[in-house]
Amino acid sequence: MLRAALGAAADRLATTGGFGSTEAVKRAVRAGLGVSIVLASAVADEVAAGHLVALPVADATLVKALRLVVPEALPPTAAAARFAAHAIRGATIGAAHRAPA
């Protein structure tokens, strides 16, 4: 996406694996360490206060890996089981399903 928007200038960008949390990313951007792509809702307060500027990302398909996390030692409640089934087709809750290493 950045390459399409910036062309050859994208080659000069340094990227990082992440800061560990959205709050850390926002602090880094406020400190002038770079730019980031985050959910609009995550920066709504900072944008409203004038601390950050949000620019729309047009015509882009963004993908984020998500994990459904459940406690291993506790059996799922009926509501949790229904949520998992809805969120992830064919999900297995508990020790039988492990996230890839």
N, C-alpha and C. Protein backbone atom coordinates (compact mmCIF):
# COMPACT_ATOMS: atom_id res chain seq x y z
N MET A 1 0.82 -1.18 0.00
CA MET A 1 0.00 0.00 0.00
C MET A 1 0.87 1.25 0.00
N LEU A 2 1.91 1.28 0.86
CA LEU A 2 2.79 2.44 0.88
C LEU A 2 3.55 2.59 -0.43
N ARG A 3 3.98 1.47 -0.99
CA ARG A 3 4.71 1.53 -2.26
C ARG A 3 3.81 2.12 -3.35
N ALA A 4 2.55 1.73 -3.38
CA ALA A 4 1.63 2.26 -4.39
C ALA A 4 1.42 3.76 -4.20
N ALA A 5 1.37 4.21 -2.96
CA ALA A 5 1.13 5.62 -2.69
C ALA A 5 2.38 6.47 -2.84
N LEU A 6 3.54 5.92 -2.46
CA LEU A 6 4.76 6.72 -2.44
C LEU A 6 5.73 6.43 -3.58
N GLY A 7 5.51 5.35 -4.30
CA GLY A 7 6.42 5.00 -5.39
C GLY A 7 7.81 4.70 -4.86
N ALA A 8 8.83 5.16 -5.57
CA ALA A 8 10.22 4.89 -5.22
C ALA A 8 10.60 5.47 -3.86
N ALA A 9 9.90 6.51 -3.41
CA ALA A 9 10.20 7.10 -2.10
C ALA A 9 9.98 6.11 -0.97
N ALA A 10 9.17 5.09 -1.20
CA ALA A 10 8.92 4.08 -0.17
C ALA A 10 10.18 3.30 0.17
N ASP A 11 11.13 3.22 -0.77
CA ASP A 11 12.39 2.50 -0.52
C ASP A 11 13.21 3.14 0.59
N ARG A 12 12.99 4.42 0.84
CA ARG A 12 13.77 5.13 1.86
C ARG A 12 13.13 5.04 3.25
N LEU A 13 11.98 4.39 3.34
CA LEU A 13 11.30 4.28 4.63
C LEU A 13 11.93 3.17 5.46
N ALA A 14 12.11 3.44 6.73
CA ALA A 14 12.53 2.41 7.67
C ALA A 14 11.29 1.91 8.39
N THR A 15 11.14 0.61 8.48
CA THR A 15 9.97 0.05 9.16
C THR A 15 10.41 -0.67 10.41
N THR A 16 9.47 -0.79 11.34
CA THR A 16 9.74 -1.49 12.59
C THR A 16 8.68 -2.56 12.79
N GLY A 17 9.01 -3.56 13.56
CA GLY A 17 8.07 -4.64 13.81
C GLY A 17 6.92 -4.24 14.70
N GLY A 18 7.03 -3.16 15.41
CA GLY A 18 5.93 -2.72 16.25
C GLY A 18 6.42 -2.21 17.58
N PHE A 19 5.51 -1.60 18.30
CA PHE A 19 5.81 -1.02 19.59
C PHE A 19 5.15 -1.75 20.74
N GLY A 20 4.34 -2.73 20.48
CA GLY A 20 3.73 -3.50 21.54
C GLY A 20 2.31 -3.10 21.89
N SER A 21 1.94 -1.86 21.62
CA SER A 21 0.57 -1.43 21.91
C SER A 21 0.25 -0.20 21.07
N THR A 22 -1.03 0.04 20.88
CA THR A 22 -1.46 1.23 20.15
C THR A 22 -1.03 2.49 20.88
N GLU A 23 -1.09 2.48 22.21
CA GLU A 23 -0.66 3.65 22.98
C GLU A 23 0.81 3.97 22.73
N ALA A 24 1.65 2.95 22.66
CA ALA A 24 3.07 3.16 22.39
C ALA A 24 3.28 3.71 20.99
N VAL A 25 2.50 3.24 20.04
CA VAL A 25 2.59 3.74 18.67
C VAL A 25 2.21 5.22 18.64
N LYS A 26 1.12 5.57 19.31
CA LYS A 26 0.68 6.97 19.32
C LYS A 26 1.73 7.87 19.98
N ARG A 27 2.35 7.39 21.06
CA ARG A 27 3.42 8.18 21.70
C ARG A 27 4.60 8.38 20.75
N ALA A 28 4.95 7.34 20.01
CA ALA A 28 6.07 7.45 19.06
C ALA A 28 5.75 8.45 17.95
N VAL A 29 4.55 8.42 17.43
CA VAL A 29 4.15 9.36 16.39
C VAL A 29 4.16 10.78 16.94
N ARG A 30 3.60 10.97 18.14
CA ARG A 30 3.61 12.32 18.75
C ARG A 30 5.03 12.82 18.97
N ALA A 31 5.96 11.92 19.24
CA ALA A 31 7.35 12.30 19.47
C ALA A 31 8.09 12.57 18.16
N GLY A 32 7.41 12.36 17.04
CA GLY A 32 8.04 12.63 15.75
C GLY A 32 8.89 11.50 15.21
N LEU A 33 8.70 10.29 15.74
CA LEU A 33 9.51 9.16 15.30
C LEU A 33 9.04 8.54 13.99
N GLY A 34 7.87 8.92 13.53
CA GLY A 34 7.38 8.37 12.27
C GLY A 34 5.88 8.50 12.15
N VAL A 35 5.33 7.71 11.26
CA VAL A 35 3.89 7.67 11.02
C VAL A 35 3.40 6.25 11.23
N SER A 36 2.10 6.08 11.35
CA SER A 36 1.55 4.75 11.54
C SER A 36 0.15 4.70 10.97
N ILE A 37 -0.32 3.49 10.74
CA ILE A 37 -1.70 3.26 10.35
C ILE A 37 -2.38 2.58 11.54
N VAL A 38 -3.41 3.23 12.08
CA VAL A 38 -4.15 2.71 13.22
C VAL A 38 -5.64 2.90 12.97
N LEU A 39 -6.46 2.27 13.76
CA LEU A 39 -7.91 2.46 13.67
C LEU A 39 -8.26 3.90 14.02
N ALA A 40 -9.20 4.48 13.27
CA ALA A 40 -9.63 5.85 13.54
C ALA A 40 -10.11 6.02 14.98
N SER A 41 -10.80 5.02 15.50
CA SER A 41 -11.31 5.11 16.87
C SER A 41 -10.18 5.16 17.90
N ALA A 42 -9.01 4.62 17.55
CA ALA A 42 -7.89 4.59 18.49
C ALA A 42 -7.25 5.96 18.67
N VAL A 43 -7.46 6.86 17.71
CA VAL A 43 -6.83 8.18 17.79
C VAL A 43 -7.85 9.32 17.83
N ALA A 44 -9.12 8.98 18.01
CA ALA A 44 -10.17 10.00 17.99
C ALA A 44 -9.92 11.10 19.02
N ASP A 45 -9.54 10.75 20.25
CA ASP A 45 -9.31 11.76 21.28
C ASP A 45 -8.12 12.64 20.95
N GLU A 46 -7.03 12.03 20.47
CA GLU A 46 -5.82 12.78 20.13
C GLU A 46 -6.06 13.72 18.95
N VAL A 47 -6.85 13.26 17.98
CA VAL A 47 -7.18 14.10 16.83
C VAL A 47 -8.06 15.26 17.28
N ALA A 48 -9.06 14.97 18.11
CA ALA A 48 -9.95 16.02 18.61
C ALA A 48 -9.19 17.06 19.41
N ALA A 49 -8.17 16.63 20.14
CA ALA A 49 -7.37 17.56 20.96
C ALA A 49 -6.30 18.28 20.14
N GLY A 50 -6.12 17.86 18.89
CA GLY A 50 -5.12 18.50 18.04
C GLY A 50 -3.71 17.97 18.23
N HIS A 51 -3.56 16.85 18.94
CA HIS A 51 -2.23 16.29 19.17
C HIS A 51 -1.74 15.45 18.00
N LEU A 52 -2.67 14.86 17.25
CA LEU A 52 -2.34 14.07 16.07
C LEU A 52 -3.25 14.49 14.92
N VAL A 53 -2.82 14.22 13.72
CA VAL A 53 -3.62 14.48 12.53
C VAL A 53 -3.91 13.13 11.87
N ALA A 54 -5.17 12.91 11.56
CA ALA A 54 -5.57 11.66 10.92
C ALA A 54 -5.87 11.94 9.45
N LEU A 55 -5.25 11.17 8.59
CA LEU A 55 -5.49 11.27 7.16
C LEU A 55 -6.21 10.01 6.70
N PRO A 56 -7.24 10.14 5.90
CA PRO A 56 -7.95 8.94 5.45
C PRO A 56 -7.09 8.12 4.50
N VAL A 57 -7.23 6.81 4.58
CA VAL A 57 -6.56 5.89 3.67
C VAL A 57 -7.62 5.43 2.69
N ALA A 58 -7.52 5.90 1.46
CA ALA A 58 -8.55 5.61 0.46
C ALA A 58 -8.16 4.40 -0.39
N ASP A 59 -9.16 3.67 -0.82
CA ASP A 59 -8.98 2.57 -1.77
C ASP A 59 -7.92 1.57 -1.34
N ALA A 60 -7.92 1.21 -0.07
CA ALA A 60 -6.95 0.24 0.42
C ALA A 60 -7.68 -0.87 1.18
N THR A 61 -7.22 -2.08 1.00
CA THR A 61 -7.71 -3.20 1.77
C THR A 61 -6.66 -3.51 2.82
N LEU A 62 -7.00 -3.29 4.07
CA LEU A 62 -6.06 -3.53 5.17
C LEU A 62 -6.45 -4.83 5.86
N VAL A 63 -5.47 -5.65 6.20
CA VAL A 63 -5.71 -6.93 6.83
C VAL A 63 -4.92 -6.98 8.13
N LYS A 64 -5.56 -7.46 9.18
CA LYS A 64 -4.90 -7.60 10.47
C LYS A 64 -5.19 -8.99 11.02
N ALA A 65 -4.15 -9.66 11.46
CA ALA A 65 -4.33 -10.98 12.05
C ALA A 65 -4.90 -10.81 13.46
N LEU A 66 -5.96 -11.51 13.74
CA LEU A 66 -6.59 -11.46 15.06
C LEU A 66 -6.58 -12.86 15.67
N ARG A 67 -6.58 -12.91 16.97
CA ARG A 67 -6.65 -14.18 17.69
C ARG A 67 -7.79 -14.10 18.70
N LEU A 68 -8.55 -15.17 18.79
CA LEU A 68 -9.53 -15.31 19.85
C LEU A 68 -8.81 -16.01 20.99
N VAL A 69 -8.71 -15.36 22.13
CA VAL A 69 -7.94 -15.88 23.25
C VAL A 69 -8.90 -16.28 24.36
N VAL A 70 -8.72 -17.50 24.86
CA VAL A 70 -9.55 -18.02 25.94
C VAL A 70 -8.66 -18.63 27.01
N PRO A 71 -9.11 -18.65 28.26
CA PRO A 71 -8.30 -19.27 29.31
C PRO A 71 -8.25 -20.78 29.11
N GLU A 72 -7.06 -21.35 29.26
CA GLU A 72 -6.87 -22.78 29.03
C GLU A 72 -7.53 -23.63 30.12
N ALA A 73 -7.46 -23.17 31.36
CA ALA A 73 -7.90 -23.99 32.49
C ALA A 73 -9.41 -23.97 32.70
N LEU A 74 -10.11 -23.02 32.11
CA LEU A 74 -11.54 -22.92 32.36
C LEU A 74 -12.33 -23.37 31.14
N PRO A 75 -13.39 -24.14 31.35
CA PRO A 75 -14.23 -24.51 30.21
C PRO A 75 -14.98 -23.27 29.73
N PRO A 76 -15.23 -23.17 28.43
CA PRO A 76 -15.94 -21.99 27.93
C PRO A 76 -17.40 -21.98 28.38
N THR A 77 -17.91 -20.81 28.61
CA THR A 77 -19.34 -20.69 28.89
C THR A 77 -20.08 -20.89 27.57
N ALA A 78 -21.38 -21.08 27.67
CA ALA A 78 -22.18 -21.25 26.45
C ALA A 78 -22.08 -20.00 25.58
N ALA A 79 -22.10 -18.83 26.19
CA ALA A 79 -22.01 -17.58 25.43
C ALA A 79 -20.65 -17.47 24.73
N ALA A 80 -19.59 -17.83 25.44
CA ALA A 80 -18.25 -17.78 24.84
C ALA A 80 -18.14 -18.76 23.68
N ALA A 81 -18.71 -19.92 23.84
CA ALA A 81 -18.67 -20.92 22.78
C ALA A 81 -19.43 -20.44 21.54
N ARG A 82 -20.59 -19.82 21.75
CA ARG A 82 -21.35 -19.29 20.61
C ARG A 82 -20.59 -18.16 19.92
N PHE A 83 -19.94 -17.29 20.72
CA PHE A 83 -19.15 -16.20 20.15
C PHE A 83 -18.01 -16.76 19.30
N ALA A 84 -17.30 -17.74 19.83
CA ALA A 84 -16.19 -18.34 19.10
C ALA A 84 -16.67 -18.97 17.80
N ALA A 85 -17.78 -19.68 17.85
CA ALA A 85 -18.31 -20.32 16.65
C ALA A 85 -18.69 -19.28 15.61
N HIS A 86 -19.23 -18.16 16.08
CA HIS A 86 -19.60 -17.09 15.16
C HIS A 86 -18.36 -16.39 14.61
N ALA A 87 -17.36 -16.12 15.47
CA ALA A 87 -16.17 -15.38 15.07
C ALA A 87 -15.24 -16.19 14.18
N ILE A 88 -15.11 -17.45 14.47
CA ILE A 88 -14.19 -18.31 13.73
C ILE A 88 -14.91 -19.59 13.37
N ARG A 89 -15.20 -19.77 12.12
CA ARG A 89 -15.90 -20.99 11.69
C ARG A 89 -15.07 -22.21 12.05
N GLY A 90 -15.71 -23.15 12.73
CA GLY A 90 -15.04 -24.39 13.08
C GLY A 90 -14.01 -24.23 14.19
N ALA A 91 -14.12 -23.18 14.98
CA ALA A 91 -13.13 -22.94 16.04
C ALA A 91 -13.21 -24.03 17.10
N THR A 92 -12.07 -24.38 17.62
CA THR A 92 -11.98 -25.30 18.74
C THR A 92 -11.46 -24.51 19.92
N ILE A 93 -12.20 -24.52 21.01
CA ILE A 93 -11.79 -23.76 22.20
C ILE A 93 -11.12 -24.71 23.17
N GLY A 94 -9.99 -24.28 23.72
CA GLY A 94 -9.33 -25.06 24.75
C GLY A 94 -7.97 -25.55 24.31
N ALA A 95 -7.46 -26.55 25.01
CA ALA A 95 -6.10 -27.03 24.82
C ALA A 95 -5.88 -27.64 23.45
N ALA A 96 -6.93 -28.07 22.77
CA ALA A 96 -6.75 -28.73 21.47
C ALA A 96 -6.30 -27.76 20.38
N HIS A 97 -6.53 -26.47 20.55
CA HIS A 97 -6.17 -25.50 19.52
C HIS A 97 -5.09 -24.58 20.04
N ARG A 98 -3.98 -24.53 19.36
CA ARG A 98 -2.86 -23.67 19.75
C ARG A 98 -2.55 -22.70 18.63
N ALA A 99 -2.18 -21.48 18.99
CA ALA A 99 -1.76 -20.51 18.00
C ALA A 99 -0.46 -20.97 17.37
N PRO A 100 -0.25 -20.69 16.10
CA PRO A 100 1.01 -21.08 15.46
C PRO A 100 2.18 -20.38 16.12
N ALA A 101 3.30 -21.07 16.19
CA ALA A 101 4.50 -20.50 16.83
C ALA A 101 5.14 -19.45 15.96
